[in-house]
Amino acid sequence: MLLKEEINKYLNYCKFQKELNDKTIKAYKADLEQFITVIGDQL
């Protein structure tokens, strides 16, 4: 799925370019996965 690929790119950017904490990345990932679940029903 294209959206999941873009989310992974964003999370990698946050981790390696922005050097965000691993816990922050984990929280972002959980939020974005929940977002995909919600909008997935509407696509």
N, C-alpha and C. Protein backbone atom coordinates (compact mmCIF):
# COMPACT_ATOMS: atom_id res chain seq x y z
N MET A 1 0.84 -1.18 0.00
CA MET A 1 0.00 0.00 0.00
C MET A 1 0.88 1.24 0.00
N LEU A 2 0.59 2.16 -0.85
CA LEU A 2 1.41 3.37 -1.01
C LEU A 2 1.44 4.22 0.25
N LEU A 3 0.33 4.36 0.93
CA LEU A 3 0.28 5.18 2.13
C LEU A 3 1.21 4.63 3.21
N LYS A 4 1.23 3.32 3.39
CA LYS A 4 2.12 2.72 4.39
C LYS A 4 3.59 2.96 4.05
N GLU A 5 3.91 2.92 2.77
CA GLU A 5 5.29 3.19 2.34
C GLU A 5 5.68 4.63 2.68
N GLU A 6 4.78 5.56 2.45
CA GLU A 6 5.06 6.97 2.75
C GLU A 6 5.19 7.19 4.25
N ILE A 7 4.37 6.50 5.01
CA ILE A 7 4.47 6.61 6.47
C ILE A 7 5.82 6.08 6.94
N ASN A 8 6.26 4.96 6.39
CA ASN A 8 7.57 4.42 6.76
C ASN A 8 8.70 5.39 6.41
N LYS A 9 8.58 6.04 5.26
CA LYS A 9 9.58 7.04 4.88
C LYS A 9 9.59 8.19 5.88
N TYR A 10 8.40 8.62 6.28
CA TYR A 10 8.29 9.71 7.26
C TYR A 10 8.89 9.31 8.60
N LEU A 11 8.59 8.09 9.05
CA LEU A 11 9.14 7.63 10.32
C LEU A 11 10.66 7.51 10.27
N ASN A 12 11.19 7.06 9.14
CA ASN A 12 12.65 7.01 8.98
C ASN A 12 13.24 8.42 9.00
N TYR A 13 12.57 9.35 8.36
CA TYR A 13 13.01 10.74 8.39
C TYR A 13 13.05 11.26 9.83
N CYS A 14 11.99 10.99 10.57
CA CYS A 14 11.93 11.44 11.96
C CYS A 14 13.05 10.82 12.80
N LYS A 15 13.35 9.57 12.51
CA LYS A 15 14.37 8.88 13.30
C LYS A 15 15.79 9.32 12.93
N PHE A 16 16.08 9.36 11.63
CA PHE A 16 17.46 9.57 11.21
C PHE A 16 17.81 11.03 10.92
N GLN A 17 16.88 11.80 10.41
CA GLN A 17 17.17 13.20 10.11
C GLN A 17 16.86 14.11 11.31
N LYS A 18 15.71 13.88 11.91
CA LYS A 18 15.30 14.71 13.05
C LYS A 18 15.86 14.18 14.37
N GLU A 19 16.32 12.92 14.34
CA GLU A 19 16.90 12.25 15.51
C GLU A 19 15.95 12.27 16.71
N LEU A 20 14.69 11.95 16.43
CA LEU A 20 13.70 11.88 17.50
C LEU A 20 13.90 10.61 18.31
N ASN A 21 13.46 10.65 19.53
CA ASN A 21 13.56 9.53 20.46
C ASN A 21 12.76 8.33 19.94
N ASP A 22 13.25 7.12 20.21
CA ASP A 22 12.58 5.91 19.75
C ASP A 22 11.15 5.80 20.29
N LYS A 23 10.93 6.29 21.50
CA LYS A 23 9.57 6.26 22.05
C LYS A 23 8.64 7.18 21.28
N THR A 24 9.17 8.29 20.81
CA THR A 24 8.38 9.22 20.00
C THR A 24 8.02 8.57 18.67
N ILE A 25 9.00 7.92 18.05
CA ILE A 25 8.76 7.23 16.79
C ILE A 25 7.69 6.15 16.98
N LYS A 26 7.80 5.41 18.06
CA LYS A 26 6.83 4.35 18.35
C LYS A 26 5.42 4.94 18.51
N ALA A 27 5.32 6.06 19.19
CA ALA A 27 4.02 6.71 19.38
C ALA A 27 3.47 7.23 18.05
N TYR A 28 4.33 7.85 17.24
CA TYR A 28 3.90 8.32 15.92
C TYR A 28 3.38 7.15 15.09
N LYS A 29 4.12 6.05 15.11
CA LYS A 29 3.74 4.88 14.32
C LYS A 29 2.37 4.36 14.76
N ALA A 30 2.15 4.27 16.06
CA ALA A 30 0.87 3.79 16.58
C ALA A 30 -0.27 4.72 16.15
N ASP A 31 -0.04 6.01 16.24
CA ASP A 31 -1.06 6.98 15.83
C ASP A 31 -1.37 6.88 14.35
N LEU A 32 -0.33 6.75 13.54
CA LEU A 32 -0.52 6.68 12.10
C LEU A 32 -1.19 5.36 11.68
N GLU A 33 -0.87 4.28 12.36
CA GLU A 33 -1.54 3.01 12.07
C GLU A 33 -3.02 3.08 12.42
N GLN A 34 -3.33 3.75 13.51
CA GLN A 34 -4.73 3.94 13.88
C GLN A 34 -5.44 4.81 12.83
N PHE A 35 -4.77 5.83 12.36
CA PHE A 35 -5.31 6.69 11.31
C PHE A 35 -5.63 5.89 10.05
N ILE A 36 -4.70 5.02 9.65
CA ILE A 36 -4.92 4.17 8.47
C ILE A 36 -6.14 3.29 8.67
N THR A 37 -6.29 2.74 9.86
CA THR A 37 -7.44 1.89 10.16
C THR A 37 -8.74 2.67 10.00
N VAL A 38 -8.77 3.88 10.51
CA VAL A 38 -9.99 4.69 10.45
C VAL A 38 -10.30 5.09 9.01
N ILE A 39 -9.32 5.61 8.29
CA ILE A 39 -9.62 6.08 6.93
C ILE A 39 -9.74 4.93 5.95
N GLY A 40 -9.18 3.78 6.30
CA GLY A 40 -9.26 2.63 5.40
C GLY A 40 -10.70 2.25 5.10
N ASP A 41 -11.57 2.42 6.06
CA ASP A 41 -12.98 2.12 5.86
C ASP A 41 -13.66 3.14 4.96
N GLN A 42 -13.06 4.30 4.82
CA GLN A 42 -13.67 5.39 4.05
C GLN A 42 -13.10 5.51 2.64
N LEU A 43 -12.06 4.76 2.35
CA LEU A 43 -11.45 4.85 1.01
C LEU A 43 -12.15 3.95 0.03
